[in-house]
């Protein structure tokens, strides 16, 4: 079984970026082992995004969690591997810098 490439993940994220921006997602990127070229067969895909106030108005309460989970499942199904999504909207700048070192934004 082959693993996804960093390039194929970034291309897919670029393809869906406009749709996500329409829903109020302002940043989208790849971080973790794939972004750092350290992925292996056991690696999951780590996606970061930042939701806006527009997103929170559009997807209120539990709807926002459902949206993000459906996005996670969509990407997971596309690449046939586990996906984690991190919303950085409420993170401190220090935590963002620590977690997202080496992130690649699309």
PDB file of N, CA and C in Angstrom:
ATOM      1  N   UNK A   1       0.836  -1.177   0.000  1.00  0.00           N
ATOM      2  CA  UNK A   1       0.000   0.000   0.000  1.00  0.00           C
ATOM      3  C   UNK A   1       0.886   1.247   0.000  1.00  0.00           C
ATOM      4  N   UNK A   2       0.661   2.148  -0.941  1.00  0.00           N
ATOM      5  CA  UNK A   2       1.477   3.353  -1.007  1.00  0.00           C
ATOM      6  C   UNK A   2       0.866   4.453  -0.141  1.00  0.00           C
ATOM      7  N   UNK A   3       1.719   5.325   0.315  1.00  0.00           N
ATOM      8  CA  UNK A   3       1.235   6.431   1.136  1.00  0.00           C
ATOM      9  C   UNK A   3       1.074   7.667   0.249  1.00  0.00           C
ATOM     10  N   UNK A   4       0.191   8.578   0.646  1.00  0.00           N
ATOM     11  CA  UNK A   4       0.035   9.812  -0.131  1.00  0.00           C
ATOM     12  C   UNK A   4       1.345  10.605  -0.130  1.00  0.00           C
ATOM     13  N   UNK A   5       1.525  11.414  -1.129  1.00  0.00           N
ATOM     14  CA  UNK A   5       2.695  12.287  -1.159  1.00  0.00           C
ATOM     15  C   UNK A   5       2.314  13.665  -0.635  1.00  0.00           C
ATOM     16  N   UNK A   6       3.301  14.375  -0.167  1.00  0.00           N
ATOM     17  CA  UNK A   6       3.072  15.747   0.285  1.00  0.00           C
ATOM     18  C   UNK A   6       2.459  16.567  -0.849  1.00  0.00           C
ATOM     19  N   UNK A   7       2.972  16.380  -2.049  1.00  0.00           N
ATOM     20  CA  UNK A   7       2.498  17.142  -3.199  1.00  0.00           C
ATOM     21  C   UNK A   7       1.037  16.840  -3.516  1.00  0.00           C
ATOM     22  N   UNK A   8       0.635  15.560  -3.413  1.00  0.00           N
ATOM     23  CA  UNK A   8      -0.761  15.213  -3.715  1.00  0.00           C
ATOM     24  C   UNK A   8      -1.708  15.780  -2.655  1.00  0.00           C
ATOM     25  N   UNK A   9      -1.264  15.808  -1.419  1.00  0.00           N
ATOM     26  CA  UNK A   9      -2.092  16.382  -0.346  1.00  0.00           C
ATOM     27  C   UNK A   9      -2.244  17.884  -0.550  1.00  0.00           C
ATOM     28  N   UNK A  10      -1.142  18.570  -0.828  1.00  0.00           N
ATOM     29  CA  UNK A  10      -1.203  20.017  -1.047  1.00  0.00           C
ATOM     30  C   UNK A  10      -2.059  20.361  -2.261  1.00  0.00           C
ATOM     31  N   UNK A  11      -1.967  19.559  -3.313  1.00  0.00           N
ATOM     32  CA  UNK A  11      -2.787  19.796  -4.507  1.00  0.00           C
ATOM     33  C   UNK A  11      -4.267  19.635  -4.177  1.00  0.00           C
ATOM     34  N   UNK A  12      -4.599  18.614  -3.398  1.00  0.00           N
ATOM     35  CA  UNK A  12      -5.995  18.394  -3.009  1.00  0.00           C
ATOM     36  C   UNK A  12      -6.503  19.552  -2.153  1.00  0.00           C
ATOM     37  N   UNK A  13      -5.697  19.988  -1.200  1.00  0.00           N
ATOM     38  CA  UNK A  13      -6.098  21.116  -0.357  1.00  0.00           C
ATOM     39  C   UNK A  13      -6.290  22.377  -1.195  1.00  0.00           C
ATOM     40  N   UNK A  14      -5.413  22.594  -2.164  1.00  0.00           N
ATOM     41  CA  UNK A  14      -5.558  23.755  -3.046  1.00  0.00           C
ATOM     42  C   UNK A  14      -6.855  23.663  -3.847  1.00  0.00           C
ATOM     43  N   UNK A  15      -7.213  22.446  -4.258  1.00  0.00           N
ATOM     44  CA  UNK A  15      -8.449  22.239  -5.028  1.00  0.00           C
ATOM     45  C   UNK A  15      -9.700  22.571  -4.222  1.00  0.00           C
ATOM     46  N   UNK A  16      -9.693  22.287  -2.930  1.00  0.00           N
ATOM     47  CA  UNK A  16     -10.896  22.525  -2.118  1.00  0.00           C
ATOM     48  C   UNK A  16     -10.862  23.859  -1.373  1.00  0.00           C
ATOM     49  N   UNK A  17      -9.762  24.581  -1.482  1.00  0.00           N
ATOM     50  CA  UNK A  17      -9.585  25.823  -0.717  1.00  0.00           C
ATOM     51  C   UNK A  17     -10.685  26.847  -0.996  1.00  0.00           C
ATOM     52  N   UNK A  18     -11.022  27.069  -2.247  1.00  0.00           N
ATOM     53  CA  UNK A  18     -12.025  28.085  -2.574  1.00  0.00           C
ATOM     54  C   UNK A  18     -13.375  27.751  -1.943  1.00  0.00           C
ATOM     55  N   UNK A  19     -13.754  26.484  -2.006  1.00  0.00           N
ATOM     56  CA  UNK A  19     -15.003  26.039  -1.374  1.00  0.00           C
ATOM     57  C   UNK A  19     -14.972  26.318   0.129  1.00  0.00           C
ATOM     58  N   UNK A  20     -13.862  25.988   0.766  1.00  0.00           N
ATOM     59  CA  UNK A  20     -13.738  26.183   2.207  1.00  0.00           C
ATOM     60  C   UNK A  20     -13.729  27.666   2.565  1.00  0.00           C
ATOM     61  N   UNK A  21     -13.088  28.480   1.738  1.00  0.00           N
ATOM     62  CA  UNK A  21     -13.097  29.922   1.979  1.00  0.00           C
ATOM     63  C   UNK A  21     -14.522  30.463   1.926  1.00  0.00           C
ATOM     64  N   UNK A  22     -15.333  29.925   1.031  1.00  0.00           N
ATOM     65  CA  UNK A  22     -16.728  30.330   0.940  1.00  0.00           C
ATOM     66  C   UNK A  22     -17.511  30.009   2.200  1.00  0.00           C
ATOM     67  N   UNK A  23     -17.032  29.026   2.952  1.00  0.00           N
ATOM     68  CA  UNK A  23     -17.678  28.650   4.213  1.00  0.00           C
ATOM     69  C   UNK A  23     -17.089  29.394   5.413  1.00  0.00           C
ATOM     70  N   UNK A  24     -16.083  30.241   5.169  1.00  0.00           N
ATOM     71  CA  UNK A  24     -15.520  31.031   6.258  1.00  0.00           C
ATOM     72  C   UNK A  24     -14.214  30.514   6.826  1.00  0.00           C
ATOM     73  N   UNK A  25     -13.533  29.653   6.098  1.00  0.00           N
ATOM     74  CA  UNK A  25     -12.219  29.178   6.533  1.00  0.00           C
ATOM     75  C   UNK A  25     -11.173  30.081   5.884  1.00  0.00           C
ATOM     76  N   UNK A  26     -10.349  30.717   6.707  1.00  0.00           N
ATOM     77  CA  UNK A  26      -9.436  31.743   6.207  1.00  0.00           C
ATOM     78  C   UNK A  26      -8.018  31.253   5.942  1.00  0.00           C
ATOM     79  N   UNK A  27      -7.605  30.175   6.560  1.00  0.00           N
ATOM     80  CA  UNK A  27      -6.270  29.608   6.341  1.00  0.00           C
ATOM     81  C   UNK A  27      -6.410  28.106   6.198  1.00  0.00           C
ATOM     82  N   UNK A  28      -5.544  27.522   5.386  1.00  0.00           N
ATOM     83  CA  UNK A  28      -5.568  26.082   5.166  1.00  0.00           C
ATOM     84  C   UNK A  28      -4.144  25.633   4.898  1.00  0.00           C
ATOM     85  N   UNK A  29      -3.738  24.564   5.558  1.00  0.00           N
ATOM     86  CA  UNK A  29      -2.384  24.097   5.348  1.00  0.00           C
ATOM     87  C   UNK A  29      -2.148  22.693   5.874  1.00  0.00           C
ATOM     88  N   UNK A  30      -0.955  22.230   5.616  1.00  0.00           N
ATOM     89  CA  UNK A  30      -0.503  20.901   6.012  1.00  0.00           C
ATOM     90  C   UNK A  30       0.624  21.071   7.021  1.00  0.00           C
ATOM     91  N   UNK A  31       0.580  20.298   8.104  1.00  0.00           N
ATOM     92  CA  UNK A  31       1.684  20.325   9.064  1.00  0.00           C
ATOM     93  C   UNK A  31       1.988  18.904   9.501  1.00  0.00           C
ATOM     94  N   UNK A  32       2.951  18.750  10.369  1.00  0.00           N
ATOM     95  CA  UNK A  32       3.289  17.419  10.868  1.00  0.00           C
ATOM     96  C   UNK A  32       4.224  16.659   9.946  1.00  0.00           C
ATOM     97  N   UNK A  33       4.166  15.341  10.038  1.00  0.00           N
ATOM     98  CA  UNK A  33       5.145  14.493   9.351  1.00  0.00           C
ATOM     99  C   UNK A  33       5.124  14.644   7.830  1.00  0.00           C
ATOM    100  N   UNK A  34       3.948  14.819   7.238  1.00  0.00           N
ATOM    101  CA  UNK A  34       3.907  14.990   5.780  1.00  0.00           C
ATOM    102  C   UNK A  34       4.567  16.295   5.357  1.00  0.00           C
ATOM    103  N   UNK A  35       4.315  17.361   6.080  1.00  0.00           N
ATOM    104  CA  UNK A  35       4.916  18.656   5.743  1.00  0.00           C
ATOM    105  C   UNK A  35       6.428  18.628   5.923  1.00  0.00           C
ATOM    106  N   UNK A  36       6.895  17.810   6.861  1.00  0.00           N
ATOM    107  CA  UNK A  36       8.328  17.749   7.166  1.00  0.00           C
ATOM    108  C   UNK A  36       9.039  16.614   6.435  1.00  0.00           C
ATOM    109  N   UNK A  37       8.339  15.974   5.489  1.00  0.00           N
ATOM    110  CA  UNK A  37       8.910  14.857   4.718  1.00  0.00           C
ATOM    111  C   UNK A  37       9.384  13.714   5.610  1.00  0.00           C
ATOM    112  N   UNK A  38       8.620  13.426   6.663  1.00  0.00           N
ATOM    113  CA  UNK A  38       8.955  12.319   7.565  1.00  0.00           C
ATOM    114  C   UNK A  38       7.843  11.277   7.639  1.00  0.00           C
ATOM    115  N   UNK A  39       6.907  11.341   6.714  1.00  0.00           N
ATOM    116  CA  UNK A  39       5.755  10.442   6.763  1.00  0.00           C
ATOM    117  C   UNK A  39       6.154   9.015   6.417  1.00  0.00           C
ATOM    118  N   UNK A  40       5.484   8.081   7.088  1.00  0.00           N
ATOM    119  CA  UNK A  40       5.635   6.669   6.753  1.00  0.00           C
ATOM    120  C   UNK A  40       4.244   6.039   6.718  1.00  0.00           C
ATOM    121  N   UNK A  41       4.176   4.744   6.588  1.00  0.00           N
ATOM    122  CA  UNK A  41       2.906   4.032   6.424  1.00  0.00           C
ATOM    123  C   UNK A  41       1.952   4.266   7.604  1.00  0.00           C
ATOM    124  N   UNK A  42       2.481   4.549   8.786  1.00  0.00           N
ATOM    125  CA  UNK A  42       1.641   4.742   9.974  1.00  0.00           C
ATOM    126  C   UNK A  42       1.249   6.205  10.200  1.00  0.00           C
ATOM    127  N   UNK A  43       1.739   7.103   9.367  1.00  0.00           N
ATOM    128  CA  UNK A  43       1.485   8.533   9.568  1.00  0.00           C
ATOM    129  C   UNK A  43       0.060   8.919   9.205  1.00  0.00           C
ATOM    130  N   UNK A  44      -0.481   9.849   9.981  1.00  0.00           N
ATOM    131  CA  UNK A  44      -1.759  10.442   9.603  1.00  0.00           C
ATOM    132  C   UNK A  44      -1.470  11.776   8.916  1.00  0.00           C
ATOM    133  N   UNK A  45      -2.494  12.325   8.283  1.00  0.00           N
ATOM    134  CA  UNK A  45      -2.373  13.616   7.616  1.00  0.00           C
ATOM    135  C   UNK A  45      -2.867  14.678   8.592  1.00  0.00           C
ATOM    136  N   UNK A  46      -2.023  15.658   8.879  1.00  0.00           N
ATOM    137  CA  UNK A  46      -2.365  16.733   9.806  1.00  0.00           C
ATOM    138  C   UNK A  46      -2.673  18.001   9.015  1.00  0.00           C
ATOM    139  N   UNK A  47      -3.920  18.441   9.121  1.00  0.00           N
ATOM    140  CA  UNK A  47      -4.365  19.632   8.405  1.00  0.00           C
ATOM    141  C   UNK A  47      -4.686  20.718   9.416  1.00  0.00           C
ATOM    142  N   UNK A  48      -4.193  21.919   9.129  1.00  0.00           N
ATOM    143  CA  UNK A  48      -4.544  23.057   9.969  1.00  0.00           C
ATOM    144  C   UNK A  48      -5.442  23.978   9.163  1.00  0.00           C
ATOM    145  N   UNK A  49      -6.362  24.594   9.878  1.00  0.00           N
ATOM    146  CA  UNK A  49      -7.215  25.602   9.261  1.00  0.00           C
ATOM    147  C   UNK A  49      -7.580  26.621  10.314  1.00  0.00           C
ATOM    148  N   UNK A  50      -8.081  27.740   9.860  1.00  0.00           N
ATOM    149  CA  UNK A  50      -8.514  28.783  10.784  1.00  0.00           C
ATOM    150  C   UNK A  50      -9.924  29.203  10.399  1.00  0.00           C
ATOM    151  N   UNK A  51     -10.845  29.046  11.331  1.00  0.00           N
ATOM    152  CA  UNK A  51     -12.232  29.431  11.090  1.00  0.00           C
ATOM    153  C   UNK A  51     -12.429  30.893  11.480  1.00  0.00           C
ATOM    154  N   UNK A  52     -13.308  31.558  10.742  1.00  0.00           N
ATOM    155  CA  UNK A  52     -13.584  32.975  10.978  1.00  0.00           C
ATOM    156  C   UNK A  52     -14.909  33.149  11.718  1.00  0.00           C
ATOM    157  N   UNK A  53     -15.208  34.393  12.056  1.00  0.00           N
ATOM    158  CA  UNK A  53     -16.507  34.694  12.663  1.00  0.00           C
ATOM    159  C   UNK A  53     -17.632  34.343  11.693  1.00  0.00           C
ATOM    160  N   UNK A  54     -17.375  34.524  10.396  1.00  0.00           N
ATOM    161  CA  UNK A  54     -18.363  34.155   9.371  1.00  0.00           C
ATOM    162  C   UNK A  54     -18.679  32.655   9.451  1.00  0.00           C
ATOM    163  N   UNK A  55     -17.642  31.839   9.615  1.00  0.00           N
ATOM    164  CA  UNK A  55     -17.829  30.392   9.752  1.00  0.00           C
ATOM    165  C   UNK A  55     -18.714  30.092  10.955  1.00  0.00           C
ATOM    166  N   UNK A  56     -18.427  30.749  12.076  1.00  0.00           N
ATOM    167  CA  UNK A  56     -19.179  30.492  13.306  1.00  0.00           C
ATOM    168  C   UNK A  56     -20.622  30.985  13.221  1.00  0.00           C
ATOM    169  N   UNK A  57     -20.872  32.011  12.417  1.00  0.00           N
ATOM    170  CA  UNK A  57     -22.255  32.449  12.188  1.00  0.00           C
ATOM    171  C   UNK A  57     -22.996  31.457  11.293  1.00  0.00           C
ATOM    172  N   UNK A  58     -22.276  30.951  10.302  1.00  0.00           N
ATOM    173  CA  UNK A  58     -22.875  30.026   9.334  1.00  0.00           C
ATOM    174  C   UNK A  58     -23.122  28.648   9.950  1.00  0.00           C
ATOM    175  N   UNK A  59     -22.193  28.191  10.767  1.00  0.00           N
ATOM    176  CA  UNK A  59     -22.266  26.858  11.382  1.00  0.00           C
ATOM    177  C   UNK A  59     -22.256  27.034  12.900  1.00  0.00           C
ATOM    178  N   UNK A  60     -23.420  27.265  13.454  1.00  0.00           N
ATOM    179  CA  UNK A  60     -23.526  27.581  14.876  1.00  0.00           C
ATOM    180  C   UNK A  60     -23.512  26.326  15.742  1.00  0.00           C
ATOM    181  N   UNK A  61     -22.869  26.466  16.896  1.00  0.00           N
ATOM    182  CA  UNK A  61     -22.857  25.387  17.879  1.00  0.00           C
ATOM    183  C   UNK A  61     -22.277  24.094  17.334  1.00  0.00           C
ATOM    184  N   UNK A  62     -23.032  23.031  17.514  1.00  0.00           N
ATOM    185  CA  UNK A  62     -22.576  21.696  17.136  1.00  0.00           C
ATOM    186  C   UNK A  62     -22.384  21.553  15.629  1.00  0.00           C
ATOM    187  N   UNK A  63     -23.053  22.408  14.837  1.00  0.00           N
ATOM    188  CA  UNK A  63     -22.909  22.344  13.377  1.00  0.00           C
ATOM    189  C   UNK A  63     -21.460  22.563  12.942  1.00  0.00           C
ATOM    190  N   UNK A  64     -20.721  23.385  13.685  1.00  0.00           N
ATOM    191  CA  UNK A  64     -19.322  23.618  13.326  1.00  0.00           C
ATOM    192  C   UNK A  64     -18.493  22.349  13.530  1.00  0.00           C
ATOM    193  N   UNK A  65     -18.757  21.621  14.601  1.00  0.00           N
ATOM    194  CA  UNK A  65     -18.052  20.356  14.847  1.00  0.00           C
ATOM    195  C   UNK A  65     -18.400  19.330  13.776  1.00  0.00           C
ATOM    196  N   UNK A  66     -19.658  19.294  13.378  1.00  0.00           N
ATOM    197  CA  UNK A  66     -20.089  18.370  12.325  1.00  0.00           C
ATOM    198  C   UNK A  66     -19.394  18.715  11.010  1.00  0.00           C
ATOM    199  N   UNK A  67     -19.340  19.997  10.670  1.00  0.00           N
ATOM    200  CA  UNK A  67     -18.683  20.441   9.442  1.00  0.00           C
ATOM    201  C   UNK A  67     -17.227  19.975   9.418  1.00  0.00           C
ATOM    202  N   UNK A  68     -16.501  20.244  10.493  1.00  0.00           N
ATOM    203  CA  UNK A  68     -15.086  19.880  10.542  1.00  0.00           C
ATOM    204  C   UNK A  68     -14.893  18.371  10.511  1.00  0.00           C
ATOM    205  N   UNK A  69     -15.779  17.618  11.154  1.00  0.00           N
ATOM    206  CA  UNK A  69     -15.674  16.163  11.108  1.00  0.00           C
ATOM    207  C   UNK A  69     -15.973  15.640   9.707  1.00  0.00           C
ATOM    208  N   UNK A  70     -16.955  16.222   9.036  1.00  0.00           N
ATOM    209  CA  UNK A  70     -17.249  15.803   7.660  1.00  0.00           C
ATOM    210  C   UNK A  70     -16.086  16.129   6.728  1.00  0.00           C
ATOM    211  N   UNK A  71     -15.435  17.264   6.950  1.00  0.00           N
ATOM    212  CA  UNK A  71     -14.250  17.604   6.163  1.00  0.00           C
ATOM    213  C   UNK A  71     -13.141  16.594   6.426  1.00  0.00           C
ATOM    214  N   UNK A  72     -12.931  16.255   7.686  1.00  0.00           N
ATOM    215  CA  UNK A  72     -11.910  15.261   8.050  1.00  0.00           C
ATOM    216  C   UNK A  72     -12.187  13.931   7.361  1.00  0.00           C
ATOM    217  N   UNK A  73     -13.447  13.490   7.395  1.00  0.00           N
ATOM    218  CA  UNK A  73     -13.824  12.230   6.756  1.00  0.00           C
ATOM    219  C   UNK A  73     -13.635  12.286   5.242  1.00  0.00           C
ATOM    220  N   UNK A  74     -13.964  13.426   4.654  1.00  0.00           N
ATOM    221  CA  UNK A  74     -13.823  13.599   3.202  1.00  0.00           C
ATOM    222  C   UNK A  74     -12.364  13.447   2.771  1.00  0.00           C
ATOM    223  N   UNK A  75     -11.464  14.112   3.487  1.00  0.00           N
ATOM    224  CA  UNK A  75     -10.041  14.023   3.156  1.00  0.00           C
ATOM    225  C   UNK A  75      -9.524  12.615   3.440  1.00  0.00           C
ATOM    226  N   UNK A  76      -9.961  12.033   4.543  1.00  0.00           N
ATOM    227  CA  UNK A  76      -9.559  10.677   4.907  1.00  0.00           C
ATOM    228  C   UNK A  76      -9.981   9.669   3.841  1.00  0.00           C
ATOM    229  N   UNK A  77     -11.193   9.807   3.352  1.00  0.00           N
ATOM    230  CA  UNK A  77     -11.691   8.904   2.314  1.00  0.00           C
ATOM    231  C   UNK A  77     -10.898   9.083   1.021  1.00  0.00           C
ATOM    232  N   UNK A  78     -10.593  10.323   0.686  1.00  0.00           N
ATOM    233  CA  UNK A  78      -9.849  10.605  -0.546  1.00  0.00           C
ATOM    234  C   UNK A  78      -8.469   9.947  -0.526  1.00  0.00           C
ATOM    235  N   UNK A  79      -7.782  10.044   0.608  1.00  0.00           N
ATOM    236  CA  UNK A  79      -6.418   9.517   0.701  1.00  0.00           C
ATOM    237  C   UNK A  79      -6.336   8.139   1.348  1.00  0.00           C
ATOM    238  N   UNK A  80      -7.454   7.632   1.823  1.00  0.00           N
ATOM    239  CA  UNK A  80      -7.514   6.316   2.470  1.00  0.00           C
ATOM    240  C   UNK A  80      -6.519   6.195   3.622  1.00  0.00           C
ATOM    241  N   UNK A  81      -6.506   7.238   4.435  1.00  0.00           N
ATOM    242  CA  UNK A  81      -5.658   7.238   5.622  1.00  0.00           C
ATOM    243  C   UNK A  81      -6.268   8.154   6.680  1.00  0.00           C
ATOM    244  N   UNK A  82      -5.807   8.018   7.895  1.00  0.00           N
ATOM    245  CA  UNK A  82      -6.315   8.812   9.014  1.00  0.00           C
ATOM    246  C   UNK A  82      -5.951  10.286   8.831  1.00  0.00           C
ATOM    247  N   UNK A  83      -6.871  11.165   9.209  1.00  0.00           N
ATOM    248  CA  UNK A  83      -6.656  12.608   9.090  1.00  0.00           C
ATOM    249  C   UNK A  83      -7.007  13.279  10.412  1.00  0.00           C
ATOM    250  N   UNK A  84      -6.175  14.221  10.822  1.00  0.00           N
ATOM    251  CA  UNK A  84      -6.463  15.074  11.975  1.00  0.00           C
ATOM    252  C   UNK A  84      -6.596  16.502  11.473  1.00  0.00           C
ATOM    253  N   UNK A  85      -7.582  17.227  12.019  1.00  0.00           N
ATOM    254  CA  UNK A  85      -7.775  18.630  11.661  1.00  0.00           C
ATOM    255  C   UNK A  85      -7.612  19.473  12.915  1.00  0.00           C
ATOM    256  N   UNK A  86      -6.848  20.531  12.787  1.00  0.00           N
ATOM    257  CA  UNK A  86      -6.592  21.450  13.892  1.00  0.00           C
ATOM    258  C   UNK A  86      -7.080  22.838  13.491  1.00  0.00           C
ATOM    259  N   UNK A  87      -8.050  23.366  14.233  1.00  0.00           N
ATOM    260  CA  UNK A  87      -8.537  24.727  14.015  1.00  0.00           C
ATOM    261  C   UNK A  87      -7.730  25.657  14.912  1.00  0.00           C
ATOM    262  N   UNK A  88      -7.009  26.570  14.303  1.00  0.00           N
ATOM    263  CA  UNK A  88      -6.114  27.448  15.058  1.00  0.00           C
ATOM    264  C   UNK A  88      -6.771  28.748  15.516  1.00  0.00           C
ATOM    265  N   UNK A  89      -8.051  28.909  15.254  1.00  0.00           N
ATOM    266  CA  UNK A  89      -8.729  30.179  15.538  1.00  0.00           C
ATOM    267  C   UNK A  89      -8.599  30.629  16.988  1.00  0.00           C
ATOM    268  N   UNK A  90      -8.659  29.715  17.920  1.00  0.00           N
ATOM    269  CA  UNK A  90      -8.629  30.113  19.329  1.00  0.00           C
ATOM    270  C   UNK A  90      -7.285  29.839  20.002  1.00  0.00           C
ATOM    271  N   UNK A  91      -6.275  29.472  19.236  1.00  0.00           N
ATOM    272  CA  UNK A  91      -4.956  29.192  19.810  1.00  0.00           C
ATOM    273  C   UNK A  91      -4.178  30.474  20.056  1.00  0.00           C
ATOM    274  N   UNK A  92      -3.368  30.457  21.085  1.00  0.00           N
ATOM    275  CA  UNK A  92      -2.460  31.580  21.315  1.00  0.00           C
ATOM    276  C   UNK A  92      -1.376  31.557  20.240  1.00  0.00           C
ATOM    277  N   UNK A  93      -0.749  32.697  20.016  1.00  0.00           N
ATOM    278  CA  UNK A  93       0.310  32.781  19.012  1.00  0.00           C
ATOM    279  C   UNK A  93       1.467  31.849  19.362  1.00  0.00           C
ATOM    280  N   UNK A  94       1.790  31.739  20.638  1.00  0.00           N
ATOM    281  CA  UNK A  94       2.880  30.863  21.079  1.00  0.00           C
ATOM    282  C   UNK A  94       2.568  29.410  20.738  1.00  0.00           C
ATOM    283  N   UNK A  95       1.343  28.979  21.019  1.00  0.00           N
ATOM    284  CA  UNK A  95       0.952  27.604  20.731  1.00  0.00           C
ATOM    285  C   UNK A  95       0.952  27.353  19.225  1.00  0.00           C
ATOM    286  N   UNK A  96       0.452  28.311  18.446  1.00  0.00           N
ATOM    287  CA  UNK A  96       0.462  28.175  16.985  1.00  0.00           C
ATOM    288  C   UNK A  96       1.877  27.975  16.479  1.00  0.00           C
ATOM    289  N   UNK A  97       2.783  28.829  16.934  1.00  0.00           N
ATOM    290  CA  UNK A  97       4.169  28.751  16.475  1.00  0.00           C
ATOM    291  C   UNK A  97       4.800  27.416  16.839  1.00  0.00           C
ATOM    292  N   UNK A  98       4.500  26.923  18.018  1.00  0.00           N
ATOM    293  CA  UNK A  98       5.049  25.647  18.463  1.00  0.00           C
ATOM    294  C   UNK A  98       4.490  24.481  17.655  1.00  0.00           C
ATOM    295  N   UNK A  99       3.184  24.451  17.494  1.00  0.00           N
ATOM    296  CA  UNK A  99       2.520  23.336  16.823  1.00  0.00           C
ATOM    297  C   UNK A  99       2.734  23.353  15.318  1.00  0.00           C
ATOM    298  N   UNK A 100       2.738  24.535  14.736  1.00  0.00           N
ATOM    299  CA  UNK A 100       2.706  24.636  13.283  1.00  0.00           C
ATOM    300  C   UNK A 100       4.053  24.949  12.648  1.00  0.00           C
ATOM    301  N   UNK A 101       5.135  24.733  13.373  1.00  0.00           N
ATOM    302  CA  UNK A 101       6.457  24.925  12.794  1.00  0.00           C
ATOM    303  C   UNK A 101       6.599  24.011  11.582  1.00  0.00           C
ATOM    304  N   UNK A 102       6.949  24.593  10.467  1.00  0.00           N
ATOM    305  CA  UNK A 102       7.107  23.811   9.246  1.00  0.00           C
ATOM    306  C   UNK A 102       5.829  23.604   8.469  1.00  0.00           C
ATOM    307  N   UNK A 103       4.737  24.226   8.901  1.00  0.00           N
ATOM    308  CA  UNK A 103       3.467  24.086   8.177  1.00  0.00           C
ATOM    309  C   UNK A 103       3.601  24.680   6.779  1.00  0.00           C
ATOM    310  N   UNK A 104       2.869  24.092   5.846  1.00  0.00           N
ATOM    311  CA  UNK A 104       2.849  24.572   4.467  1.00  0.00           C
ATOM    312  C   UNK A 104       1.426  25.008   4.168  1.00  0.00           C
ATOM    313  N   UNK A 105       1.263  26.291   3.880  1.00  0.00           N
ATOM    314  CA  UNK A 105      -0.064  26.852   3.620  1.00  0.00           C
ATOM    315  C   UNK A 105      -0.361  26.807   2.131  1.00  0.00           C
ATOM    316  N   UNK A 106      -1.634  26.595   1.806  1.00  0.00           N
ATOM    317  CA  UNK A 106      -2.045  26.597   0.396  1.00  0.00           C
ATOM    318  C   UNK A 106      -2.868  27.834   0.117  1.00  0.00           C
TER     319      UNK A 106
END
